[in-house]
Amino acid sequence: MNSRMAALLFSCMLVSSVVGCEKKEPAQKDERPTIAVIPKGTIHEFWKSVHAGSIKASRELDVEIIWKAPLKEDDREAQIAVMEDMIVRGVSGIVLTPLDDTALRMPVVNAKRAGIPVVITDSGLKGKDFVSYVATDNFEAGRTAARYMGKLLDGKGKVAVLRYSEGHDSTTKREDGFLKGIAEFEGIEVVSSDQYAGVTTESAVKAAENLFLRFGGGAGKVEIGGIFCATEPTTLGILRALENVDAAGKIKFVGFDTSDMMVNALRKGRLHGFVVQNPIKIGYLGVKTMVQHLRGEKVETRIDTGATLVTPENIDNPEIKEVTAPDLSEWLD
């Protein structure tokens, strides 16, 4: 074969290769981004709604999501391991609700270095290595709860704040916002604000019972006028502890987030109010913001998803029912 024939043969092979690539183009267009959604946990009702919102966004925007979380909401190492796994997998983006505002900072930095953008949802993270922060204004939500508590107590009495867990930016801001708001009432004294309930209902029961022992301890004799906490599991734990000392309904009690048990307790007068977020919206906007970023669209660095005070007076309003009793059946099996 002379050099001229060889060149002609090479040109034909090159054309065939290009034609072959053109035939495969539609398949490439069908490839969808894969977004890892990593919440703090999966057990509580809040996270089920976040999951539903994430799925809703993935279907509307035609992307795949991987939903994975640690088993317990205080297992920082497990959440770091999930982050590392998603970086190794080479996902298109990560939507993360960090368990710790400091411990998860380096995994987010590592994701950025690997070319994987991160959107933070619900609970803040130190640093600026993420695309956007999608969450409730937790400080203001806590202050809303405080002002309602002040109204319930007519501006006087003793109040306790049972904190959630150290390192959780969202709940810390709610608690700090409550303390700032309750300070507006000169007749109200905060008698305890440094005790932690832990991340489960069971740990919250024990912490609340210990708190009550410090301030009375006898059946129906707890010397606290009001109590506030910043999560669903803590609310349920305190509720059970109040029932154990025959004080449910007698102490003004304001919680945070929602569940069927909390709604029932509100109707029975055992819980006097709670501030609720919109977790479906948080999940939805977390994924949507990531998709917009991946498509080269400009996104806001801070997106406020809002919060609502739920009371016996408004519990049956249609707009309240949308966040206290959402229908998740369309999105979750």
C-alpha atoms as a PDB file:
ATOM      1  CA  MET A   1       0.000   0.000   0.000  1.00  0.00           C
ATOM      2  CA  ASN A   2       1.515   3.333  -1.049  1.00  0.00           C
ATOM      3  CA  SER A   3       1.436   6.438   1.092  1.00  0.00           C
ATOM      4  CA  ARG A   4      -1.394   7.994  -0.915  1.00  0.00           C
ATOM      5  CA  MET A   5      -3.695   5.011  -0.367  1.00  0.00           C
ATOM      6  CA  ALA A   6      -2.818   4.895   3.318  1.00  0.00           C
ATOM      7  CA  ALA A   7      -3.728   8.552   3.736  1.00  0.00           C
ATOM      8  CA  LEU A   8      -7.054   7.973   1.966  1.00  0.00           C
ATOM      9  CA  LEU A   9      -7.829   4.991   4.183  1.00  0.00           C
ATOM     10  CA  PHE A  10      -7.007   7.027   7.310  1.00  0.00           C
ATOM     11  CA  SER A  11      -9.327   9.801   6.163  1.00  0.00           C
ATOM     12  CA  CYS A  12     -12.184   7.320   5.673  1.00  0.00           C
ATOM     13  CA  MET A  13     -11.623   5.882   9.129  1.00  0.00           C
ATOM     14  CA  LEU A  14     -11.661   9.392  10.616  1.00  0.00           C
ATOM     15  CA  VAL A  15     -14.937  10.224   8.873  1.00  0.00           C
ATOM     16  CA  SER A  16     -16.484   6.968  10.113  1.00  0.00           C
ATOM     17  CA  SER A  17     -15.386   7.805  13.639  1.00  0.00           C
ATOM     18  CA  VAL A  18     -16.966  11.260  13.460  1.00  0.00           C
ATOM     19  CA  VAL A  19     -20.196   9.858  12.039  1.00  0.00           C
ATOM     20  CA  GLY A  20     -20.238   7.293  14.839  1.00  0.00           C
ATOM     21  CA  CYS A  21     -19.906  10.074  17.433  1.00  0.00           C
ATOM     22  CA  GLU A  22     -22.731  11.976  15.821  1.00  0.00           C
ATOM     23  CA  LYS A  23     -24.986   8.929  16.102  1.00  0.00           C
ATOM     24  CA  LYS A  24     -24.267   8.700  19.855  1.00  0.00           C
ATOM     25  CA  GLU A  25     -25.061  12.367  20.502  1.00  0.00           C
ATOM     26  CA  PRO A  26     -28.727  11.849  21.459  1.00  0.00           C
ATOM     27  CA  ALA A  27     -27.669   9.365  24.156  1.00  0.00           C
ATOM     28  CA  GLN A  28     -25.293  11.967  25.622  1.00  0.00           C
ATOM     29  CA  LYS A  29     -28.109  14.478  25.776  1.00  0.00           C
ATOM     30  CA  ASP A  30     -30.149  11.987  27.820  1.00  0.00           C
ATOM     31  CA  GLU A  31     -27.527  11.903  30.570  1.00  0.00           C
ATOM     32  CA  ARG A  32     -28.846  13.709  33.658  1.00  0.00           C
ATOM     33  CA  PRO A  33     -26.950  15.416  36.470  1.00  0.00           C
ATOM     34  CA  THR A  34     -26.747  13.439  39.706  1.00  0.00           C
ATOM     35  CA  ILE A  35     -27.194  15.475  42.877  1.00  0.00           C
ATOM     36  CA  ALA A  36     -26.440  14.063  46.321  1.00  0.00           C
ATOM     37  CA  VAL A  37     -28.834  15.317  49.009  1.00  0.00           C
ATOM     38  CA  ILE A  38     -27.303  14.803  52.459  1.00  0.00           C
ATOM     39  CA  PRO A  39     -29.586  15.775  55.395  1.00  0.00           C
ATOM     40  CA  LYS A  40     -28.764  15.567  59.106  1.00  0.00           C
ATOM     41  CA  GLY A  41     -30.921  12.462  59.460  1.00  0.00           C
ATOM     42  CA  THR A  42     -33.945  10.648  58.070  1.00  0.00           C
ATOM     43  CA  ILE A  43     -36.058   9.575  61.065  1.00  0.00           C
ATOM     44  CA  HIS A  44     -37.951  12.712  62.032  1.00  0.00           C
ATOM     45  CA  GLU A  45     -40.955  14.058  60.130  1.00  0.00           C
ATOM     46  CA  PHE A  46     -39.025  17.170  59.122  1.00  0.00           C
ATOM     47  CA  TRP A  47     -36.561  15.174  57.022  1.00  0.00           C
ATOM     48  CA  LYS A  48     -39.315  13.195  55.317  1.00  0.00           C
ATOM     49  CA  SER A  49     -40.757  16.476  54.072  1.00  0.00           C
ATOM     50  CA  VAL A  50     -37.321  17.689  52.969  1.00  0.00           C
ATOM     51  CA  HIS A  51     -36.939  14.412  51.059  1.00  0.00           C
ATOM     52  CA  ALA A  52     -40.322  14.898  49.395  1.00  0.00           C
ATOM     53  CA  GLY A  53     -39.357  18.418  48.310  1.00  0.00           C
ATOM     54  CA  SER A  54     -36.076  17.139  46.885  1.00  0.00           C
ATOM     55  CA  ILE A  55     -37.868  14.477  44.854  1.00  0.00           C
ATOM     56  CA  LYS A  56     -40.407  17.030  43.621  1.00  0.00           C
ATOM     57  CA  ALA A  57     -37.612  19.248  42.322  1.00  0.00           C
ATOM     58  CA  SER A  58     -35.734  16.323  40.751  1.00  0.00           C
ATOM     59  CA  ARG A  59     -38.801  15.288  38.756  1.00  0.00           C
ATOM     60  CA  GLU A  60     -39.624  18.788  37.593  1.00  0.00           C
ATOM     61  CA  LEU A  61     -36.035  19.548  36.603  1.00  0.00           C
ATOM     62  CA  ASP A  62     -35.153  16.094  35.242  1.00  0.00           C
ATOM     63  CA  VAL A  63     -32.190  15.271  37.483  1.00  0.00           C
ATOM     64  CA  GLU A  64     -31.239  12.258  39.578  1.00  0.00           C
ATOM     65  CA  ILE A  65     -30.856  12.570  43.348  1.00  0.00           C
ATOM     66  CA  ILE A  66     -29.075  10.352  45.843  1.00  0.00           C
ATOM     67  CA  TRP A  67     -30.636  10.690  49.328  1.00  0.00           C
ATOM     68  CA  LYS A  68     -28.245   9.579  52.041  1.00  0.00           C
ATOM     69  CA  ALA A  69     -27.727  10.568  55.671  1.00  0.00           C
ATOM     70  CA  PRO A  70     -26.182   9.374  58.947  1.00  0.00           C
ATOM     71  CA  LEU A  71     -28.448   7.317  61.198  1.00  0.00           C
ATOM     72  CA  LYS A  72     -28.167   9.737  64.119  1.00  0.00           C
ATOM     73  CA  GLU A  73     -28.241  13.514  64.004  1.00  0.00           C
ATOM     74  CA  ASP A  74     -25.139  13.833  66.165  1.00  0.00           C
ATOM     75  CA  ASP A  75     -22.881  11.484  64.151  1.00  0.00           C
ATOM     76  CA  ARG A  76     -20.565  13.996  62.527  1.00  0.00           C
ATOM     77  CA  GLU A  77     -18.071  11.365  61.392  1.00  0.00           C
ATOM     78  CA  ALA A  78     -20.791   9.449  59.568  1.00  0.00           C
ATOM     79  CA  GLN A  79     -21.930  12.558  57.690  1.00  0.00           C
ATOM     80  CA  ILE A  80     -18.324  13.364  56.777  1.00  0.00           C
ATOM     81  CA  ALA A  81     -17.996   9.804  55.424  1.00  0.00           C
ATOM     82  CA  VAL A  82     -21.118  10.298  53.287  1.00  0.00           C
ATOM     83  CA  MET A  83     -19.626  13.516  51.895  1.00  0.00           C
ATOM     84  CA  GLU A  84     -16.356  11.758  51.083  1.00  0.00           C
ATOM     85  CA  ASP A  85     -18.236   8.939  49.366  1.00  0.00           C
ATOM     86  CA  MET A  86     -20.142  11.373  47.149  1.00  0.00           C
ATOM     87  CA  ILE A  87     -16.928  13.184  46.219  1.00  0.00           C
ATOM     88  CA  VAL A  88     -15.342   9.865  45.189  1.00  0.00           C
ATOM     89  CA  ARG A  89     -18.454   9.010  43.158  1.00  0.00           C
ATOM     90  CA  GLY A  90     -18.049  12.267  41.307  1.00  0.00           C
ATOM     91  CA  VAL A  91     -21.625  13.480  41.657  1.00  0.00           C
ATOM     92  CA  SER A  92     -22.602  16.652  39.796  1.00  0.00           C
ATOM     93  CA  GLY A  93     -23.432  18.569  42.974  1.00  0.00           C
ATOM     94  CA  ILE A  94     -24.155  18.169  46.683  1.00  0.00           C
ATOM     95  CA  VAL A  95     -27.016  19.632  48.725  1.00  0.00           C
ATOM     96  CA  LEU A  96     -25.909  19.398  52.356  1.00  0.00           C
ATOM     97  CA  THR A  97     -27.518  20.107  55.726  1.00  0.00           C
ATOM     98  CA  PRO A  98     -24.431  20.084  57.960  1.00  0.00           C
ATOM     99  CA  LEU A  99     -24.594  18.414  61.360  1.00  0.00           C
ATOM    100  CA  ASP A 100     -21.881  20.732  62.596  1.00  0.00           C
ATOM    101  CA  ASP A 101     -21.103  24.245  61.375  1.00  0.00           C
ATOM    102  CA  THR A 102     -17.358  23.633  61.747  1.00  0.00           C
ATOM    103  CA  ALA A 103     -16.740  19.890  61.324  1.00  0.00           C
ATOM    104  CA  LEU A 104     -18.316  19.800  57.852  1.00  0.00           C
ATOM    105  CA  ARG A 105     -16.361  22.784  56.585  1.00  0.00           C
ATOM    106  CA  MET A 106     -13.360  20.816  55.273  1.00  0.00           C
ATOM    107  CA  PRO A 107     -15.446  18.200  53.405  1.00  0.00           C
ATOM    108  CA  VAL A 108     -17.181  21.097  51.616  1.00  0.00           C
ATOM    109  CA  VAL A 109     -13.778  22.592  50.776  1.00  0.00           C
ATOM    110  CA  ASN A 110     -12.702  19.201  49.411  1.00  0.00           C
ATOM    111  CA  ALA A 111     -15.828  18.976  47.279  1.00  0.00           C
ATOM    112  CA  LYS A 112     -15.110  22.406  45.812  1.00  0.00           C
ATOM    113  CA  ARG A 113     -11.521  21.386  45.049  1.00  0.00           C
ATOM    114  CA  ALA A 114     -12.869  18.324  43.245  1.00  0.00           C
ATOM    115  CA  GLY A 115     -15.062  20.560  41.093  1.00  0.00           C
ATOM    116  CA  ILE A 116     -18.298  19.594  42.879  1.00  0.00           C
ATOM    117  CA  PRO A 117     -20.419  22.584  43.957  1.00  0.00           C
ATOM    118  CA  VAL A 118     -22.279  22.502  47.280  1.00  0.00           C
ATOM    119  CA  VAL A 119     -25.531  24.149  48.347  1.00  0.00           C
ATOM    120  CA  ILE A 120     -26.123  24.370  52.121  1.00  0.00           C
ATOM    121  CA  THR A 121     -29.682  23.994  53.421  1.00  0.00           C
ATOM    122  CA  ASP A 122     -31.482  24.446  56.753  1.00  0.00           C
ATOM    123  CA  SER A 123     -28.413  24.757  58.998  1.00  0.00           C
ATOM    124  CA  GLY A 124     -25.479  27.091  58.366  1.00  0.00           C
ATOM    125  CA  LEU A 125     -21.802  26.341  57.781  1.00  0.00           C
ATOM    126  CA  LYS A 126     -18.762  28.475  58.522  1.00  0.00           C
ATOM    127  CA  GLY A 127     -16.756  29.613  55.518  1.00  0.00           C
ATOM    128  CA  LYS A 128     -17.727  30.635  51.988  1.00  0.00           C
ATOM    129  CA  ASP A 129     -16.975  27.531  49.949  1.00  0.00           C
ATOM    130  CA  PHE A 130     -20.573  26.882  48.963  1.00  0.00           C
ATOM    131  CA  VAL A 131     -22.832  28.260  46.261  1.00  0.00           C
ATOM    132  CA  SER A 132     -25.878  29.258  48.325  1.00  0.00           C
ATOM    133  CA  TYR A 133     -27.509  28.906  51.741  1.00  0.00           C
ATOM    134  CA  VAL A 134     -31.201  27.929  51.626  1.00  0.00           C
ATOM    135  CA  ALA A 135     -32.899  28.103  55.025  1.00  0.00           C
ATOM    136  CA  THR A 136     -35.246  29.740  57.480  1.00  0.00           C
ATOM    137  CA  ASP A 137     -34.005  32.883  59.213  1.00  0.00           C
ATOM    138  CA  ASN A 138     -33.619  30.849  62.401  1.00  0.00           C
ATOM    139  CA  PHE A 139     -32.680  33.757  64.655  1.00  0.00           C
ATOM    140  CA  GLU A 140     -35.840  35.665  63.743  1.00  0.00           C
ATOM    141  CA  ALA A 141     -37.903  32.483  64.082  1.00  0.00           C
ATOM    142  CA  GLY A 142     -36.604  32.081  67.634  1.00  0.00           C
ATOM    143  CA  ARG A 143     -37.433  35.696  68.394  1.00  0.00           C
ATOM    144  CA  THR A 144     -40.971  35.131  67.090  1.00  0.00           C
ATOM    145  CA  ALA A 145     -41.358  32.244  69.551  1.00  0.00           C
ATOM    146  CA  ALA A 146     -40.083  34.458  72.390  1.00  0.00           C
ATOM    147  CA  ARG A 147     -42.518  37.243  71.728  1.00  0.00           C
ATOM    148  CA  TYR A 148     -45.369  34.749  71.703  1.00  0.00           C
ATOM    149  CA  MET A 149     -44.106  33.288  74.983  1.00  0.00           C
ATOM    150  CA  GLY A 150     -43.996  36.775  76.482  1.00  0.00           C
ATOM    151  CA  LYS A 151     -47.613  37.270  75.467  1.00  0.00           C
ATOM    152  CA  LEU A 152     -48.642  33.915  76.965  1.00  0.00           C
ATOM    153  CA  LEU A 153     -47.001  34.859  80.282  1.00  0.00           C
ATOM    154  CA  ASP A 154     -48.321  38.416  80.325  1.00  0.00           C
ATOM    155  CA  GLY A 155     -44.728  39.624  80.443  1.00  0.00           C
ATOM    156  CA  LYS A 156     -43.747  38.040  83.761  1.00  0.00           C
ATOM    157  CA  GLY A 157     -42.496  34.752  85.191  1.00  0.00           C
ATOM    158  CA  LYS A 158     -39.635  32.247  84.939  1.00  0.00           C
ATOM    159  CA  VAL A 159     -38.638  30.687  81.608  1.00  0.00           C
ATOM    160  CA  ALA A 160     -36.271  27.861  80.681  1.00  0.00           C
ATOM    161  CA  VAL A 161     -34.671  27.122  77.304  1.00  0.00           C
ATOM    162  CA  LEU A 162     -33.724  23.495  76.731  1.00  0.00           C
ATOM    163  CA  ARG A 163     -31.134  23.514  73.962  1.00  0.00           C
ATOM    164  CA  TYR A 164     -30.779  20.856  71.267  1.00  0.00           C
ATOM    165  CA  SER A 165     -27.148  19.877  70.595  1.00  0.00           C
ATOM    166  CA  GLU A 166     -23.841  21.720  70.312  1.00  0.00           C
ATOM    167  CA  GLY A 167     -22.554  22.622  66.855  1.00  0.00           C
ATOM    168  CA  HIS A 168     -25.953  22.804  65.129  1.00  0.00           C
ATOM    169  CA  ASP A 169     -26.071  26.266  63.607  1.00  0.00           C
ATOM    170  CA  SER A 170     -29.840  26.284  62.975  1.00  0.00           C
ATOM    171  CA  THR A 171     -30.960  25.351  66.476  1.00  0.00           C
ATOM    172  CA  THR A 172     -28.332  27.540  68.150  1.00  0.00           C
ATOM    173  CA  LYS A 173     -29.636  30.536  66.217  1.00  0.00           C
ATOM    174  CA  ARG A 174     -33.233  29.702  67.210  1.00  0.00           C
ATOM    175  CA  GLU A 175     -32.259  29.463  70.864  1.00  0.00           C
ATOM    176  CA  ASP A 176     -30.223  32.672  70.733  1.00  0.00           C
ATOM    177  CA  GLY A 177     -33.056  34.430  68.930  1.00  0.00           C
ATOM    178  CA  PHE A 178     -35.459  33.312  71.642  1.00  0.00           C
ATOM    179  CA  LEU A 179     -33.176  34.627  74.379  1.00  0.00           C
ATOM    180  CA  LYS A 180     -32.848  37.944  72.560  1.00  0.00           C
ATOM    181  CA  GLY A 181     -36.601  38.217  72.148  1.00  0.00           C
ATOM    182  CA  ILE A 182     -37.510  37.220  75.693  1.00  0.00           C
ATOM    183  CA  ALA A 183     -35.095  39.871  77.020  1.00  0.00           C
ATOM    184  CA  GLU A 184     -37.568  42.453  75.743  1.00  0.00           C
ATOM    185  CA  PHE A 185     -39.823  41.505  78.679  1.00  0.00           C
ATOM    186  CA  GLU A 186     -38.406  42.983  81.888  1.00  0.00           C
ATOM    187  CA  GLY A 187     -40.672  40.856  84.069  1.00  0.00           C
ATOM    188  CA  ILE A 188     -39.462  37.543  82.639  1.00  0.00           C
ATOM    189  CA  GLU A 189     -36.430  35.791  84.113  1.00  0.00           C
ATOM    190  CA  VAL A 190     -34.533  33.096  82.181  1.00  0.00           C
ATOM    191  CA  VAL A 191     -33.601  30.554  84.850  1.00  0.00           C
ATOM    192  CA  SER A 192     -31.865  28.017  82.589  1.00  0.00           C
ATOM    193  CA  SER A 193     -30.438  28.257  79.071  1.00  0.00           C
ATOM    194  CA  ASP A 194     -27.309  26.098  79.120  1.00  0.00           C
ATOM    195  CA  GLN A 195     -28.749  22.579  79.308  1.00  0.00           C
ATOM    196  CA  TYR A 196     -28.785  20.306  76.227  1.00  0.00           C
ATOM    197  CA  ALA A 197     -31.544  17.827  75.408  1.00  0.00           C
ATOM    198  CA  GLY A 198     -29.658  15.759  72.833  1.00  0.00           C
ATOM    199  CA  VAL A 199     -30.880  14.617  69.443  1.00  0.00           C
ATOM    200  CA  THR A 200     -33.522  12.034  70.396  1.00  0.00           C
ATOM    201  CA  THR A 201     -36.887  12.183  72.121  1.00  0.00           C
ATOM    202  CA  GLU A 202     -35.597   9.825  74.823  1.00  0.00           C
ATOM    203  CA  SER A 203     -32.603  12.006  75.663  1.00  0.00           C
ATOM    204  CA  ALA A 204     -34.902  15.045  75.752  1.00  0.00           C
ATOM    205  CA  VAL A 205     -37.196  13.324  78.285  1.00  0.00           C
ATOM    206  CA  LYS A 206     -34.266  12.751  80.653  1.00  0.00           C
ATOM    207  CA  ALA A 207     -32.903  16.278  80.220  1.00  0.00           C
ATOM    208  CA  ALA A 208     -36.327  17.812  80.868  1.00  0.00           C
ATOM    209  CA  GLU A 209     -36.917  15.656  83.948  1.00  0.00           C
ATOM    210  CA  ASN A 210     -33.540  16.774  85.341  1.00  0.00           C
ATOM    211  CA  LEU A 211     -34.505  20.374  84.647  1.00  0.00           C
ATOM    212  CA  PHE A 212     -37.811  19.964  86.474  1.00  0.00           C
ATOM    213  CA  LEU A 213     -36.063  18.421  89.485  1.00  0.00           C
ATOM    214  CA  ARG A 214     -34.024  21.625  89.790  1.00  0.00           C
ATOM    215  CA  PHE A 215     -37.167  23.733  89.825  1.00  0.00           C
ATOM    216  CA  GLY A 216     -39.665  21.949  92.029  1.00  0.00           C
ATOM    217  CA  GLY A 217     -39.775  18.272  91.163  1.00  0.00           C
ATOM    218  CA  GLY A 218     -43.055  17.380  92.837  1.00  0.00           C
ATOM    219  CA  ALA A 219     -46.140  16.406  90.866  1.00  0.00           C
ATOM    220  CA  GLY A 220     -47.551  19.563  89.332  1.00  0.00           C
ATOM    221  CA  LYS A 221     -45.118  21.773  91.308  1.00  0.00           C
ATOM    222  CA  VAL A 222     -42.515  22.671  88.703  1.00  0.00           C
ATOM    223  CA  GLU A 223     -41.548  26.270  89.378  1.00  0.00           C
ATOM    224  CA  ILE A 224     -41.192  27.364  85.768  1.00  0.00           C
ATOM    225  CA  GLY A 225     -43.768  29.456  83.977  1.00  0.00           C
ATOM    226  CA  GLY A 226     -42.644  28.676  80.414  1.00  0.00           C
ATOM    227  CA  ILE A 227     -40.290  26.473  78.435  1.00  0.00           C
ATOM    228  CA  PHE A 228     -38.954  26.686  74.884  1.00  0.00           C
ATOM    229  CA  CYS A 229     -37.103  24.216  72.679  1.00  0.00           C
ATOM    230  CA  ALA A 230     -35.952  24.326  69.070  1.00  0.00           C
ATOM    231  CA  THR A 231     -36.743  20.967  67.399  1.00  0.00           C
ATOM    232  CA  GLU A 232     -39.436  18.335  66.940  1.00  0.00           C
ATOM    233  CA  PRO A 233     -37.732  15.512  68.936  1.00  0.00           C
ATOM    234  CA  THR A 234     -36.967  17.902  71.813  1.00  0.00           C
ATOM    235  CA  THR A 235     -40.556  19.131  71.818  1.00  0.00           C
ATOM    236  CA  LEU A 236     -41.907  15.584  72.016  1.00  0.00           C
ATOM    237  CA  GLY A 237     -39.463  14.679  74.788  1.00  0.00           C
ATOM    238  CA  ILE A 238     -40.358  17.702  76.901  1.00  0.00           C
ATOM    239  CA  LEU A 239     -44.043  17.012  76.344  1.00  0.00           C
ATOM    240  CA  ARG A 240     -43.649  13.497  77.715  1.00  0.00           C
ATOM    241  CA  ALA A 241     -41.633  14.772  80.683  1.00  0.00           C
ATOM    242  CA  LEU A 242     -44.323  17.364  81.456  1.00  0.00           C
ATOM    243  CA  GLU A 243     -46.950  14.630  81.408  1.00  0.00           C
ATOM    244  CA  ASN A 244     -44.816  12.535  83.781  1.00  0.00           C
ATOM    245  CA  VAL A 245     -44.888  15.313  86.403  1.00  0.00           C
ATOM    246  CA  ASP A 246     -48.524  16.274  85.791  1.00  0.00           C
ATOM    247  CA  ALA A 247     -47.507  19.669  84.405  1.00  0.00           C
ATOM    248  CA  ALA A 248     -48.598  19.354  80.753  1.00  0.00           C
ATOM    249  CA  GLY A 249     -50.741  22.365  79.917  1.00  0.00           C
ATOM    250  CA  LYS A 250     -49.890  24.114  83.189  1.00  0.00           C
ATOM    251  CA  ILE A 251     -46.498  25.350  81.997  1.00  0.00           C
ATOM    252  CA  LYS A 252     -46.578  27.513  78.874  1.00  0.00           C
ATOM    253  CA  PHE A 253     -44.749  25.462  76.275  1.00  0.00           C
ATOM    254  CA  VAL A 254     -43.574  26.645  72.852  1.00  0.00           C
ATOM    255  CA  GLY A 255     -41.775  24.259  70.489  1.00  0.00           C
ATOM    256  CA  PHE A 256     -40.360  24.193  66.983  1.00  0.00           C
ATOM    257  CA  ASP A 257     -41.097  22.221  63.784  1.00  0.00           C
ATOM    258  CA  THR A 258     -44.141  19.977  63.551  1.00  0.00           C
ATOM    259  CA  SER A 259     -45.585  16.449  63.668  1.00  0.00           C
ATOM    260  CA  ASP A 260     -48.998  14.852  64.145  1.00  0.00           C
ATOM    261  CA  MET A 261     -48.250  14.427  67.862  1.00  0.00           C
ATOM    262  CA  MET A 262     -47.412  18.110  68.214  1.00  0.00           C
ATOM    263  CA  VAL A 263     -50.608  19.165  66.428  1.00  0.00           C
ATOM    264  CA  ASN A 264     -52.641  16.874  68.703  1.00  0.00           C
ATOM    265  CA  ALA A 265     -50.902  18.266  71.785  1.00  0.00           C
ATOM    266  CA  LEU A 266     -51.698  21.798  70.628  1.00  0.00           C
ATOM    267  CA  ARG A 267     -55.369  20.935  70.212  1.00  0.00           C
ATOM    268  CA  LYS A 268     -55.458  19.443  73.723  1.00  0.00           C
ATOM    269  CA  GLY A 269     -53.788  22.485  75.300  1.00  0.00           C
ATOM    270  CA  ARG A 270     -50.654  20.571  76.294  1.00  0.00           C
ATOM    271  CA  LEU A 271     -48.540  22.539  73.831  1.00  0.00           C
ATOM    272  CA  HIS A 272     -49.313  26.237  73.454  1.00  0.00           C
ATOM    273  CA  GLY A 273     -47.670  26.967  70.123  1.00  0.00           C
ATOM    274  CA  PHE A 274     -44.790  26.138  67.818  1.00  0.00           C
ATOM    275  CA  VAL A 275     -42.861  27.745  65.010  1.00  0.00           C
ATOM    276  CA  VAL A 276     -42.898  25.714  61.825  1.00  0.00           C
ATOM    277  CA  GLN A 277     -40.651  25.911  58.799  1.00  0.00           C
ATOM    278  CA  ASN A 278     -41.518  24.722  55.299  1.00  0.00           C
ATOM    279  CA  PRO A 279     -39.304  21.650  54.885  1.00  0.00           C
ATOM    280  CA  ILE A 280     -40.792  20.722  51.502  1.00  0.00           C
ATOM    281  CA  LYS A 281     -39.772  24.164  50.268  1.00  0.00           C
ATOM    282  CA  ILE A 282     -36.295  23.764  51.772  1.00  0.00           C
ATOM    283  CA  GLY A 283     -35.768  20.434  49.997  1.00  0.00           C
ATOM    284  CA  TYR A 284     -37.226  21.736  46.747  1.00  0.00           C
ATOM    285  CA  LEU A 285     -35.229  24.965  46.657  1.00  0.00           C
ATOM    286  CA  GLY A 286     -32.025  23.214  47.699  1.00  0.00           C
ATOM    287  CA  VAL A 287     -32.129  20.976  44.616  1.00  0.00           C
ATOM    288  CA  LYS A 288     -33.501  23.712  42.338  1.00  0.00           C
ATOM    289  CA  THR A 289     -30.750  26.133  43.339  1.00  0.00           C
ATOM    290  CA  MET A 290     -28.108  23.507  42.616  1.00  0.00           C
ATOM    291  CA  VAL A 291     -29.605  22.746  39.195  1.00  0.00           C
ATOM    292  CA  GLN A 292     -29.718  26.432  38.318  1.00  0.00           C
ATOM    293  CA  HIS A 293     -26.056  26.759  39.268  1.00  0.00           C
ATOM    294  CA  LEU A 294     -25.087  23.707  37.207  1.00  0.00           C
ATOM    295  CA  ARG A 295     -26.892  25.223  34.218  1.00  0.00           C
ATOM    296  CA  GLY A 296     -24.896  28.412  34.526  1.00  0.00           C
ATOM    297  CA  GLU A 297     -27.698  30.548  35.942  1.00  0.00           C
ATOM    298  CA  LYS A 298     -27.079  33.133  38.640  1.00  0.00           C
ATOM    299  CA  VAL A 299     -28.356  32.148  42.093  1.00  0.00           C
ATOM    300  CA  GLU A 300     -28.778  34.104  45.305  1.00  0.00           C
ATOM    301  CA  THR A 301     -26.177  33.407  47.995  1.00  0.00           C
ATOM    302  CA  ARG A 302     -28.900  33.487  50.688  1.00  0.00           C
ATOM    303  CA  ILE A 303     -32.471  32.252  50.197  1.00  0.00           C
ATOM    304  CA  ASP A 304     -34.948  32.647  53.086  1.00  0.00           C
ATOM    305  CA  THR A 305     -37.606  29.906  53.137  1.00  0.00           C
ATOM    306  CA  GLY A 306     -39.716  31.547  55.866  1.00  0.00           C
ATOM    307  CA  ALA A 307     -41.255  30.406  59.167  1.00  0.00           C
ATOM    308  CA  THR A 308     -44.762  30.525  60.648  1.00  0.00           C
ATOM    309  CA  LEU A 309     -46.061  30.658  64.215  1.00  0.00           C
ATOM    310  CA  VAL A 310     -48.759  28.031  64.784  1.00  0.00           C
ATOM    311  CA  THR A 311     -51.248  28.607  67.609  1.00  0.00           C
ATOM    312  CA  PRO A 312     -54.621  27.189  68.700  1.00  0.00           C
ATOM    313  CA  GLU A 313     -56.227  30.154  66.954  1.00  0.00           C
ATOM    314  CA  ASN A 314     -54.791  29.492  63.473  1.00  0.00           C
ATOM    315  CA  ILE A 315     -54.176  25.727  63.458  1.00  0.00           C
ATOM    316  CA  ASP A 316     -57.111  25.067  61.096  1.00  0.00           C
ATOM    317  CA  ASN A 317     -56.270  27.781  58.574  1.00  0.00           C
ATOM    318  CA  PRO A 318     -55.632  26.277  55.105  1.00  0.00           C
ATOM    319  CA  GLU A 319     -52.195  27.903  54.767  1.00  0.00           C
ATOM    320  CA  ILE A 320     -51.177  26.465  58.147  1.00  0.00           C
ATOM    321  CA  LYS A 321     -52.346  22.968  57.244  1.00  0.00           C
ATOM    322  CA  GLU A 322     -50.092  23.074  54.183  1.00  0.00           C
ATOM    323  CA  VAL A 323     -47.043  23.075  56.467  1.00  0.00           C
ATOM    324  CA  THR A 324     -48.351  21.125  59.486  1.00  0.00           C
ATOM    325  CA  ALA A 325     -49.985  18.280  57.561  1.00  0.00           C
ATOM    326  CA  PRO A 326     -48.504  18.110  54.058  1.00  0.00           C
ATOM    327  CA  ASP A 327     -49.504  15.233  51.780  1.00  0.00           C
ATOM    328  CA  LEU A 328     -46.227  13.494  50.934  1.00  0.00           C
ATOM    329  CA  SER A 329     -47.766  10.483  49.184  1.00  0.00           C
ATOM    330  CA  GLU A 330     -47.088  11.883  45.719  1.00  0.00           C
ATOM    331  CA  TRP A 331     -43.351  11.988  46.413  1.00  0.00           C
ATOM    332  CA  LEU A 332     -42.672   9.256  49.002  1.00  0.00           C
ATOM    333  CA  ASP A 333     -43.819   5.622  49.017  1.00  0.00           C
END
